[in-house]
Amino acid sequence: MGSAIKVTFLLLVTFAITIPCLDAGIAELDDYLKAQAEEAHKIALETFVPNPEEITEDINTHVHRALQEYEEELANSTLTTRRGLGEKKKKKGPCEATNPIDRCWRCKADWAEDRFRLAKCARGFGRKATGGAGGRIYVVTDPSDNDMVSPKPGTLRHAAIQKGPVWIIFERSMVITLNQELMVTSDTTIDGRGANVQIKGGAGITMQFVNNVIIHNLRMTKIVSKMGGLIRDNVDHIGFRTRSDGDAISVYQSTNIWIDHISLSDSEDGLVDVIQGSTGITISNCHLTKHNDVMLLGASDHFSDDKIMQVTVAFNHFGQGLIQRMPRVRWGFVHVVNNDYTHWLMYAIGGSSGPTVLSQGNRFIAPHNDAAKEVTHRDYASPDVWKNWQWTSDQDHFMNGATFCQSGVPVKNLPYKKQFIMKPKPGIYANRLTRHTGALQCIVGRPC
């Protein structure tokens, strides 16, 4: 009887010690993970931008330049075509990339030989993300995922735990069903261009206590939670993970992360979660469909360290079958710019705990339900409290009765200057700027 009581006591003590780590999926915060967490927090403080408006205005400047280039190419192409109507040779049109991120690399026919060029293309708060640029190119050849502790060489799991910088590409199209969440190390790029790479029917991708990661050109659907267990998260470390949430992409206390051209749908929990003091994040050119809790920025109303969170949500298409949280924000600063919101059932942008939301140049098409016309939704605060939250709509385009309830002092601390700072491109351009969202069908030797 005495030994049974001792065992019970030890279990209770162990459970009490690990409770703070459960949300992170960590069963035991060992010395290695403690050091990783401390380093991650230090980098987050260094990444934080005291004047975030400088970053929001910078991306607006790049949008103007990109569209101007596109329109000039289109005009020149039209003129050339008219002059050559009598010629048999077919004239090529302009590169169809319209936003500044895509125009940085998609118009180049040699993208497959110069993959690192992508690392120069991030904009917004995740602008410093270069991933595995300059490092080893790792080719994934095997879609299996059977060993969590000693991953098989050639698999995505083996690639993702290598010491960076490492740039991961795929030998061919493949469907990868992850048996446990995929832990990605710092200074890594997962680049699905040139293949149809699907992460489907299993666990999702997790970035925890890491810095400088690019996730690009993947299709992720039907992501589910997994029981957890021993999982290698680095060549030097194996940790015991608790049950995963079922998020497609999870960013936990990580910095300088860029998520670009991902097709996301139909997962058990969130499509993208950015939590626990993560900052320096850009989510761009994604196509999101068929989901309830779409995007969460900040997971707790009690974790005020998320005040350093700064996220850019740009050039995404929030499409069919979405219900809410596009995104839902706590504490931090989010720049929602030039996205196309064509579907929601409850609301588009929500929040609590006094976040700052700058919505610029988006198109909002409200549902037919009169009770869901409002874009915004605030939780756990009365109007006399949230009236002071800075939620600004600037140059947004509203259709089918959509409305945006602004509050607080407008987020316009910097004057508009012709030479550097420009107004956002109006929301009527959102459809053009998001024309090629989601995973792209890139063919080697041709512009993507």
Protein backbone atom coordinates (compact mmCIF):
# COMPACT_ATOMS: atom_id res chain seq x y z
CA MET A 1 0.00 0.00 0.00
CA GLY A 2 2.85 2.35 0.88
CA SER A 3 4.60 1.79 -2.46
CA ALA A 4 1.36 2.49 -4.33
CA ILE A 5 1.00 5.81 -2.50
CA LYS A 6 4.60 6.68 -3.37
CA VAL A 7 3.99 5.94 -7.06
CA THR A 8 0.82 8.04 -7.03
CA PHE A 9 2.66 10.91 -5.32
CA LEU A 10 5.49 10.78 -7.86
CA LEU A 11 3.01 10.83 -10.73
CA LEU A 12 1.23 13.85 -9.26
CA VAL A 13 4.52 15.68 -8.76
CA THR A 14 5.61 14.87 -12.30
CA PHE A 15 2.25 16.03 -13.67
CA ALA A 16 2.47 19.30 -11.71
CA ILE A 17 5.97 19.95 -13.04
CA THR A 18 4.98 19.32 -16.66
CA ILE A 19 1.68 21.23 -16.69
CA PRO A 20 3.29 24.51 -17.87
CA CYS A 21 4.72 22.64 -20.86
CA LEU A 22 1.60 20.79 -21.99
CA ASP A 23 0.47 23.51 -24.39
CA ALA A 24 3.85 23.28 -26.05
CA GLY A 25 3.54 19.53 -26.53
CA ILE A 26 6.55 19.08 -24.24
CA ALA A 27 6.25 16.35 -21.63
CA GLU A 28 9.54 17.31 -19.96
CA LEU A 29 11.40 20.59 -20.30
CA ASP A 30 14.94 19.22 -20.00
CA ASP A 31 18.15 21.29 -19.92
CA TYR A 32 18.50 21.23 -23.69
CA LEU A 33 14.98 22.58 -24.24
CA LYS A 34 15.40 25.15 -21.47
CA ALA A 35 18.47 26.50 -23.26
CA GLN A 36 16.56 26.49 -26.56
CA ALA A 37 13.66 28.40 -24.97
CA GLU A 38 15.96 31.00 -23.43
CA GLU A 39 17.77 31.56 -26.72
CA ALA A 40 14.44 31.79 -28.58
CA HIS A 41 13.18 34.44 -26.17
CA LYS A 42 16.39 36.44 -26.56
CA ILE A 43 16.10 36.39 -30.37
CA ALA A 44 12.41 37.36 -30.15
CA LEU A 45 13.27 40.48 -28.16
CA GLU A 46 15.93 41.37 -30.73
CA THR A 47 13.48 40.78 -33.60
CA PHE A 48 10.74 42.98 -32.16
CA VAL A 49 10.31 46.26 -34.09
CA PRO A 50 9.59 49.25 -31.81
CA ASN A 51 7.95 51.17 -34.69
CA PRO A 52 6.00 48.51 -36.60
CA GLU A 53 4.44 51.12 -38.89
CA GLU A 54 7.79 51.34 -40.67
CA ILE A 55 7.39 47.72 -41.76
CA THR A 56 3.75 48.12 -42.78
CA GLU A 57 4.57 51.12 -44.94
CA ASP A 58 7.55 49.37 -46.49
CA ILE A 59 5.40 46.50 -47.79
CA ASN A 60 2.92 49.02 -49.21
CA THR A 61 5.76 50.64 -51.15
CA HIS A 62 6.77 47.28 -52.62
CA VAL A 63 3.16 46.56 -53.63
CA HIS A 64 2.95 49.81 -55.58
CA ARG A 65 6.22 49.09 -57.37
CA ALA A 66 5.22 45.52 -58.24
CA LEU A 67 1.87 46.52 -59.70
CA GLN A 68 3.43 49.38 -61.63
CA GLU A 69 5.96 46.99 -63.18
CA TYR A 70 3.21 44.51 -64.05
CA GLU A 71 1.00 47.16 -65.64
CA GLU A 72 3.92 48.52 -67.69
CA GLU A 73 4.74 45.00 -68.92
CA LEU A 74 1.08 44.41 -69.76
CA ALA A 75 0.88 47.68 -71.71
CA ASN A 76 4.07 46.89 -73.63
CA SER A 77 2.87 43.36 -74.36
CA THR A 78 -0.47 44.63 -75.66
CA LEU A 79 1.27 47.18 -77.87
CA THR A 80 3.64 44.54 -79.26
CA THR A 81 0.75 42.18 -79.94
CA ARG A 82 -1.21 44.82 -81.84
CA ARG A 83 1.81 45.70 -83.98
CA GLY A 84 2.45 42.05 -84.73
CA LEU A 85 -1.08 40.94 -85.61
CA GLY A 86 0.05 40.06 -89.11
CA GLU A 87 2.92 37.91 -87.82
CA LYS A 88 2.57 34.17 -87.35
CA LYS A 89 4.84 34.07 -84.30
CA LYS A 90 2.90 34.22 -81.04
CA LYS A 91 4.02 36.93 -78.64
CA LYS A 92 4.49 36.13 -74.98
CA GLY A 93 2.50 38.10 -72.42
CA PRO A 94 3.87 39.64 -69.22
CA CYS A 95 4.84 37.62 -66.17
CA GLU A 96 1.60 37.08 -64.24
CA ALA A 97 3.16 37.71 -60.83
CA THR A 98 1.51 40.84 -59.44
CA ASN A 99 2.57 41.21 -55.81
CA PRO A 100 6.11 42.11 -54.67
CA ILE A 101 6.91 38.70 -53.17
CA ASP A 102 6.03 36.82 -56.34
CA ARG A 103 7.67 39.31 -58.69
CA CYS A 104 10.91 38.80 -56.79
CA TRP A 105 11.31 35.24 -58.12
CA ARG A 106 8.40 33.82 -60.15
CA CYS A 107 9.26 35.56 -63.43
CA LYS A 108 12.65 33.84 -63.58
CA ALA A 109 12.83 30.74 -65.79
CA ASP A 110 15.90 29.54 -63.88
CA TRP A 111 14.23 29.41 -60.45
CA ALA A 112 15.15 25.71 -60.07
CA GLU A 113 18.85 26.47 -60.58
CA ASP A 114 18.67 29.51 -58.28
CA ARG A 115 16.38 28.35 -55.48
CA PHE A 116 18.17 30.50 -52.92
CA ARG A 117 16.81 33.60 -54.68
CA LEU A 118 13.54 32.97 -52.84
CA ALA A 119 15.35 33.87 -49.60
CA LYS A 120 15.59 37.49 -50.79
CA CYS A 121 11.85 37.82 -51.33
CA ALA A 122 10.18 37.89 -47.90
CA ARG A 123 8.33 41.07 -46.96
CA GLY A 124 6.63 42.32 -43.83
CA PHE A 125 7.60 41.27 -40.32
CA GLY A 126 9.08 37.99 -41.57
CA ARG A 127 11.34 39.88 -43.98
CA LYS A 128 14.54 38.58 -42.35
CA ALA A 129 13.70 34.93 -42.97
CA THR A 130 16.29 33.40 -45.28
CA GLY A 131 15.86 29.79 -44.18
CA GLY A 132 18.53 27.47 -45.51
CA ALA A 133 19.99 29.90 -48.05
CA GLY A 134 23.65 29.27 -48.75
CA GLY A 135 23.56 25.85 -47.13
CA ARG A 136 23.24 22.24 -48.16
CA ILE A 137 20.47 21.19 -50.57
CA TYR A 138 18.74 18.10 -49.19
CA VAL A 139 16.62 16.11 -51.66
CA VAL A 140 13.69 14.20 -50.15
CA THR A 141 13.33 10.90 -52.00
CA ASP A 142 11.15 8.84 -49.64
CA PRO A 143 7.59 9.79 -48.52
CA SER A 144 7.56 7.34 -45.59
CA ASP A 145 7.56 8.42 -41.92
CA ASN A 146 8.04 5.36 -39.77
CA ASP A 147 10.82 6.13 -37.29
CA MET A 148 10.46 9.18 -35.03
CA VAL A 149 13.72 8.65 -33.11
CA SER A 150 16.10 7.63 -35.91
CA PRO A 151 14.45 8.97 -39.08
CA LYS A 152 15.35 7.23 -42.32
CA PRO A 153 17.71 9.23 -44.57
CA GLY A 154 15.87 10.60 -47.57
CA THR A 155 12.66 11.28 -45.65
CA LEU A 156 11.27 14.71 -44.83
CA ARG A 157 11.63 14.00 -41.11
CA HIS A 158 15.32 13.23 -41.51
CA ALA A 159 15.79 16.40 -43.58
CA ALA A 160 13.95 18.67 -41.14
CA ILE A 161 16.15 17.86 -38.13
CA GLN A 162 19.51 18.50 -39.83
CA LYS A 163 21.74 21.31 -38.60
CA GLY A 164 21.21 24.33 -40.81
CA PRO A 165 21.45 26.02 -43.05
CA VAL A 166 19.65 23.35 -45.09
CA TRP A 167 17.37 23.80 -48.11
CA ILE A 168 14.94 20.91 -48.54
CA ILE A 169 13.55 20.05 -51.99
CA PHE A 170 11.69 17.01 -53.35
CA GLU A 171 12.80 14.52 -55.99
CA ARG A 172 9.23 14.00 -57.23
CA SER A 173 5.58 14.52 -56.32
CA MET A 174 4.57 12.64 -53.18
CA VAL A 175 1.95 12.33 -50.43
CA ILE A 176 3.49 12.36 -46.95
CA THR A 177 1.43 11.15 -43.99
CA LEU A 178 3.25 12.22 -40.83
CA ASN A 179 2.86 9.74 -37.97
CA GLN A 180 3.83 12.43 -35.46
CA GLU A 181 4.26 16.21 -35.72
CA LEU A 182 7.24 17.21 -37.86
CA MET A 183 9.76 19.19 -35.81
CA VAL A 184 11.70 21.69 -37.95
CA THR A 185 15.07 23.10 -36.88
CA SER A 186 16.43 26.62 -37.32
CA ASP A 187 17.89 27.90 -40.61
CA THR A 188 15.75 25.58 -42.71
CA THR A 189 13.71 25.94 -45.89
CA ILE A 190 11.11 23.38 -46.99
CA ASP A 191 10.66 24.12 -50.70
CA GLY A 192 8.01 22.15 -52.59
CA ARG A 193 8.45 23.89 -55.95
CA GLY A 194 8.66 21.60 -58.98
CA ALA A 195 6.60 18.83 -57.38
CA ASN A 196 3.13 18.25 -55.98
CA VAL A 197 3.99 17.72 -52.32
CA GLN A 198 1.05 16.93 -50.07
CA ILE A 199 1.18 16.67 -46.27
CA LYS A 200 -2.06 14.79 -45.76
CA GLY A 201 -3.96 12.63 -43.30
CA GLY A 202 -1.46 12.76 -40.44
CA ALA A 203 0.25 15.26 -38.13
CA GLY A 204 1.33 18.77 -39.09
CA ILE A 205 4.48 20.89 -39.06
CA THR A 206 5.80 22.40 -35.80
CA MET A 207 8.39 25.12 -35.30
CA GLN A 208 9.28 25.42 -31.62
CA PHE A 209 12.12 27.47 -30.10
CA VAL A 210 13.57 28.00 -33.60
CA ASN A 211 14.65 30.93 -35.75
CA ASN A 212 14.80 31.58 -39.49
CA VAL A 213 12.53 29.10 -41.28
CA ILE A 214 10.76 29.23 -44.66
CA ILE A 215 7.87 26.88 -45.46
CA HIS A 216 7.01 27.15 -49.15
CA ASN A 217 4.77 25.58 -51.80
CA LEU A 218 3.10 22.68 -49.99
CA ARG A 219 -0.45 21.32 -49.92
CA MET A 220 -1.63 20.50 -46.40
CA THR A 221 -5.01 18.94 -45.67
CA LYS A 222 -6.80 16.65 -43.23
CA ILE A 223 -4.19 17.19 -40.51
CA VAL A 224 -5.09 15.37 -37.28
CA SER A 225 -3.80 15.21 -33.71
CA LYS A 226 -1.41 12.43 -32.75
CA MET A 227 -0.69 10.74 -29.43
CA GLY A 228 2.89 11.92 -29.10
CA GLY A 229 5.88 10.02 -27.71
CA LEU A 230 9.61 10.13 -28.26
CA ILE A 231 10.39 12.37 -31.24
CA ARG A 232 13.76 13.60 -32.44
CA ASP A 233 13.63 17.39 -32.89
CA ASN A 234 17.32 17.87 -33.66
CA VAL A 235 20.29 15.68 -34.51
CA ASP A 236 21.43 16.24 -30.92
CA HIS A 237 18.15 15.84 -29.04
CA ILE A 238 15.18 13.51 -28.57
CA GLY A 239 12.22 14.74 -26.54
CA PHE A 240 9.01 13.23 -25.24
CA ARG A 241 6.04 14.97 -26.83
CA THR A 242 2.48 15.00 -25.54
CA ARG A 243 -0.51 14.73 -27.85
CA SER A 244 -0.37 17.24 -30.71
CA ASP A 245 -3.31 19.60 -31.31
CA GLY A 246 -3.96 18.83 -34.95
CA ASP A 247 -2.72 22.19 -36.30
CA ALA A 248 -1.49 22.15 -39.88
CA ILE A 249 1.30 24.63 -39.07
CA SER A 250 2.25 25.56 -35.51
CA VAL A 251 4.74 28.31 -34.61
CA TYR A 252 5.66 28.30 -30.92
CA GLN A 253 8.11 30.82 -29.41
CA SER A 254 9.88 31.14 -32.75
CA THR A 255 11.11 34.07 -34.82
CA ASN A 256 11.74 35.11 -38.42
CA ILE A 257 9.31 32.62 -39.94
CA TRP A 258 7.92 32.92 -43.46
CA ILE A 259 4.97 30.77 -44.58
CA ASP A 260 4.34 31.26 -48.30
CA HIS A 261 2.24 29.66 -51.07
CA ILE A 262 0.70 26.95 -48.89
CA SER A 263 -2.70 25.41 -49.72
CA LEU A 264 -4.39 24.73 -46.37
CA SER A 265 -7.72 23.07 -45.60
CA ASP A 266 -9.80 20.80 -43.41
CA SER A 267 -7.67 20.10 -40.35
CA GLU A 268 -8.57 19.06 -36.82
CA ASP A 269 -7.55 22.26 -35.01
CA GLY A 270 -6.09 25.38 -36.64
CA LEU A 271 -4.63 25.85 -40.09
CA VAL A 272 -1.93 28.23 -38.80
CA ASP A 273 -1.22 28.92 -35.11
CA VAL A 274 1.40 31.49 -34.04
CA ILE A 275 1.74 31.54 -30.26
CA GLN A 276 3.82 31.94 -27.10
CA GLY A 277 5.87 35.02 -27.88
CA SER A 278 6.61 34.27 -31.52
CA THR A 279 7.39 37.34 -33.62
CA GLY A 280 8.81 38.39 -36.98
CA ILE A 281 6.26 36.32 -38.91
CA THR A 282 4.89 36.65 -42.46
CA ILE A 283 2.04 34.51 -43.80
CA SER A 284 1.63 35.22 -47.50
CA ASN A 285 0.16 33.92 -50.76
CA CYS A 286 -1.71 31.10 -49.02
CA HIS A 287 -5.07 29.68 -50.09
CA LEU A 288 -7.20 28.68 -47.10
CA THR A 289 -10.48 26.74 -47.43
CA LYS A 290 -12.93 24.40 -45.65
CA HIS A 291 -12.14 25.12 -42.02
CA ASN A 292 -13.54 26.56 -38.81
CA ASP A 293 -10.74 28.04 -36.64
CA VAL A 294 -8.51 29.27 -39.45
CA MET A 295 -5.62 31.30 -38.00
CA LEU A 296 -4.73 31.97 -34.36
CA LEU A 297 -2.20 34.61 -33.34
CA GLY A 298 -1.73 34.32 -29.58
CA ALA A 299 -3.27 31.40 -27.68
CA SER A 300 -3.99 32.80 -24.22
CA ASP A 301 -5.53 35.91 -22.72
CA HIS A 302 -3.23 35.34 -19.73
CA PHE A 303 0.08 35.30 -21.64
CA SER A 304 0.97 38.96 -21.94
CA ASP A 305 4.44 38.16 -23.36
CA ASP A 306 2.62 37.93 -26.69
CA LYS A 307 2.72 41.73 -26.75
CA ILE A 308 5.94 41.38 -28.74
CA MET A 309 4.16 39.36 -31.43
CA GLN A 310 4.28 41.08 -34.85
CA VAL A 311 2.73 39.30 -37.83
CA THR A 312 2.11 40.23 -41.47
CA VAL A 313 -0.83 38.52 -43.20
CA ALA A 314 -0.53 39.46 -46.88
CA PHE A 315 -1.82 38.45 -50.32
CA ASN A 316 -3.78 35.44 -49.03
CA HIS A 317 -7.13 34.18 -50.31
CA PHE A 318 -9.56 33.26 -47.55
CA GLY A 319 -11.88 31.09 -49.61
CA GLN A 320 -14.75 28.63 -49.55
CA GLY A 321 -15.95 26.91 -46.40
CA LEU A 322 -14.24 29.15 -43.82
CA ILE A 323 -16.07 30.12 -40.64
CA GLN A 324 -13.94 32.38 -38.38
CA ARG A 325 -10.47 33.50 -37.17
CA MET A 326 -8.86 35.03 -40.26
CA PRO A 327 -7.02 35.77 -38.01
CA ARG A 328 -7.99 35.86 -34.33
CA VAL A 329 -5.42 37.98 -32.47
CA ARG A 330 -4.34 38.43 -28.85
CA TRP A 331 -1.98 41.09 -27.47
CA GLY A 332 0.26 41.72 -30.47
CA PHE A 333 0.36 43.73 -33.71
CA VAL A 334 -0.98 42.28 -36.97
CA HIS A 335 -0.81 43.89 -40.40
CA VAL A 336 -3.56 42.43 -42.59
CA VAL A 337 -2.82 43.72 -46.07
CA ASN A 338 -4.15 43.09 -49.59
CA ASN A 339 -5.92 39.81 -48.79
CA ASP A 340 -9.07 38.62 -50.54
CA TYR A 341 -11.84 37.57 -48.16
CA THR A 342 -14.49 35.89 -50.30
CA HIS A 343 -16.09 33.65 -47.65
CA TRP A 344 -16.79 33.57 -43.92
CA LEU A 345 -19.77 32.37 -41.88
CA MET A 346 -19.30 34.11 -38.49
CA TYR A 347 -16.65 36.86 -38.85
CA ALA A 348 -13.28 37.44 -40.50
CA ILE A 349 -10.99 39.26 -38.03
CA GLY A 350 -11.36 38.76 -34.29
CA GLY A 351 -9.43 39.37 -31.12
CA SER A 352 -9.13 39.84 -27.38
CA SER A 353 -6.61 41.23 -24.88
CA GLY A 354 -6.15 44.52 -26.70
CA PRO A 355 -4.28 43.63 -29.90
CA THR A 356 -3.48 46.17 -32.59
CA VAL A 357 -4.99 45.39 -36.00
CA LEU A 358 -4.08 47.37 -39.11
CA SER A 359 -6.27 46.27 -42.02
CA GLN A 360 -5.18 47.78 -45.34
CA GLY A 361 -6.27 47.23 -48.91
CA ASN A 362 -8.26 44.05 -48.32
CA ARG A 363 -11.43 43.02 -50.13
CA PHE A 364 -14.21 41.80 -47.83
CA ILE A 365 -17.22 40.09 -49.43
CA ALA A 366 -19.77 39.48 -46.67
CA PRO A 367 -21.99 36.39 -46.52
CA HIS A 368 -25.69 36.70 -47.31
CA ASN A 369 -26.57 36.19 -43.63
CA ASP A 370 -27.41 39.66 -42.24
CA ALA A 371 -26.14 38.62 -38.81
CA ALA A 372 -22.61 38.03 -40.14
CA LYS A 373 -21.97 41.13 -42.23
CA GLU A 374 -19.48 42.61 -39.78
CA VAL A 375 -15.86 41.78 -40.53
CA THR A 376 -14.69 42.24 -36.94
CA HIS A 377 -15.44 40.48 -33.67
CA ARG A 378 -14.11 41.22 -30.15
CA ASP A 379 -14.18 38.77 -27.24
CA TYR A 380 -14.08 39.04 -23.44
CA ALA A 381 -14.30 42.83 -23.27
CA SER A 382 -17.12 45.33 -23.03
CA PRO A 383 -17.38 48.21 -25.55
CA ASP A 384 -16.04 50.69 -23.02
CA VAL A 385 -12.84 48.58 -22.93
CA TRP A 386 -12.36 47.57 -26.57
CA LYS A 387 -13.16 51.07 -27.81
CA ASN A 388 -9.53 51.88 -26.96
CA TRP A 389 -8.05 48.96 -28.92
CA GLN A 390 -6.36 50.16 -32.12
CA TRP A 391 -8.28 48.49 -34.96
CA THR A 392 -7.91 50.49 -38.16
CA SER A 393 -9.34 49.95 -41.64
CA ASP A 394 -7.53 51.82 -44.41
CA GLN A 395 -8.36 51.54 -48.12
CA ASP A 396 -10.32 48.30 -47.60
CA HIS A 397 -13.04 47.42 -50.12
CA PHE A 398 -16.38 46.22 -48.75
CA MET A 399 -18.92 44.24 -50.74
CA ASN A 400 -22.34 42.70 -50.10
CA GLY A 401 -22.89 44.86 -47.00
CA ALA A 402 -19.63 44.06 -45.21
CA THR A 403 -18.69 46.47 -42.39
CA PHE A 404 -15.56 47.02 -40.29
CA CYS A 405 -15.97 48.35 -36.75
CA GLN A 406 -12.93 50.54 -36.12
CA SER A 407 -11.75 51.51 -32.64
CA GLY A 408 -9.01 53.38 -30.84
CA VAL A 409 -6.55 55.86 -32.26
CA PRO A 410 -5.95 55.15 -35.97
CA VAL A 411 -2.70 53.33 -36.71
CA LYS A 412 -1.15 56.12 -38.76
CA ASN A 413 1.86 57.30 -36.82
CA LEU A 414 3.95 58.00 -39.90
CA PRO A 415 3.12 60.60 -42.56
CA TYR A 416 2.73 59.44 -46.16
CA LYS A 417 5.76 60.58 -48.16
CA LYS A 418 6.08 60.29 -51.91
CA GLN A 419 9.67 59.08 -51.99
CA PHE A 420 9.48 56.19 -49.53
CA ILE A 421 6.18 55.80 -47.70
CA MET A 422 3.04 55.22 -49.75
CA LYS A 423 -0.60 54.62 -49.05
CA PRO A 424 -1.73 50.98 -49.31
CA LYS A 425 -3.00 49.75 -52.65
CA PRO A 426 -6.82 49.91 -52.39
CA GLY A 427 -8.85 46.78 -51.75
CA ILE A 428 -10.22 46.74 -55.30
CA TYR A 429 -6.78 45.40 -56.29
CA ALA A 430 -6.88 42.50 -53.79
CA ASN A 431 -8.22 40.02 -56.32
CA ARG A 432 -5.36 40.81 -58.71
CA LEU A 433 -2.72 40.64 -55.97
CA THR A 434 -3.97 37.23 -54.78
CA ARG A 435 -4.54 35.69 -58.21
CA HIS A 436 -2.04 32.86 -57.72
CA THR A 437 -2.39 31.89 -54.06
CA GLY A 438 -1.71 28.44 -52.68
CA ALA A 439 0.77 25.87 -53.91
CA LEU A 440 1.99 26.61 -57.44
CA GLN A 441 2.52 24.17 -60.30
CA CYS A 442 6.08 25.15 -61.13
CA ILE A 443 7.72 23.54 -64.16
CA VAL A 444 11.50 23.45 -64.31
CA GLY A 445 12.85 25.71 -67.05
CA ARG A 446 9.82 28.00 -67.13
CA PRO A 447 8.70 31.00 -65.08
CA CYS A 448 6.55 29.70 -62.25
